[in-house]
Amino acid sequence: MPPHDQKTAGPQSLADLFLTFNRMSLQGFGGVLAIVQRELVERKQWLTREDFVETLSVSQVLPGPNVVNMALMIGDRHFGMRGAFVALAGMLLVPLVIVLALAVLYAEFASLPVVSGALRGMGAVAAGLVIATGLKLLPTLRKGGLGLPLALLFAAAMFIAMAVLRWPLVWCLGGLGLPAVALAWRRL
């Protein structure tokens, strides 16, 4: 991925890479995408907004969780294969232990109304975080290969296909993602 004009910093060491991804993973409830954007773009400045959107786009079409794919790509970009594994470990190691402990507790207390109510509240917060991240990244579409109007048209079509028509993800990516990539590539 070619770097953009804006200068960015990078992780100072493998420990910095591990601790950054570990801190992000421990802050995320219902997904860490909003936190990853804030941490990597705004706080650490390891990526520009445009780099973030490009990296996220690639990670969306790869198999597996998009943030895990991003961790692998960013780690590899700065420290090669060692960096990829360190970023992945930072993203997964401690949360895995916590999730296993919470799964044991959930199995014990899932029938309590206060527990189910708390989980519903967290779902609403997670949805709000994802929407806020999307709105923050919206200005990057102006500089993309499609341009803002066409990008918004594809975004609206994808929303309708996924949320209203409930098409499977593979159909949406094939039916809308591939034409969008082809159009953007042709316009570059």
Foldseek 3Di string as FASTA:
>chain_A
DDADPDDFDAQPDLVSLLQLLLVQLVPDDPDSLLVCCCCCCPNRRRHDLLRSVVLLVVLVPDPDDSVLSSQLVRLCVPPNNVGSVSNNCSNPVVVVVVVVVVVVVCVVCVPDPVVVVVSVVSVVVNVVSVVVSCVVSLVSQCVALLHNVRVVVLVVVLCCVCPPVNDDPVCSCVVRVVVVVVSSVVSD
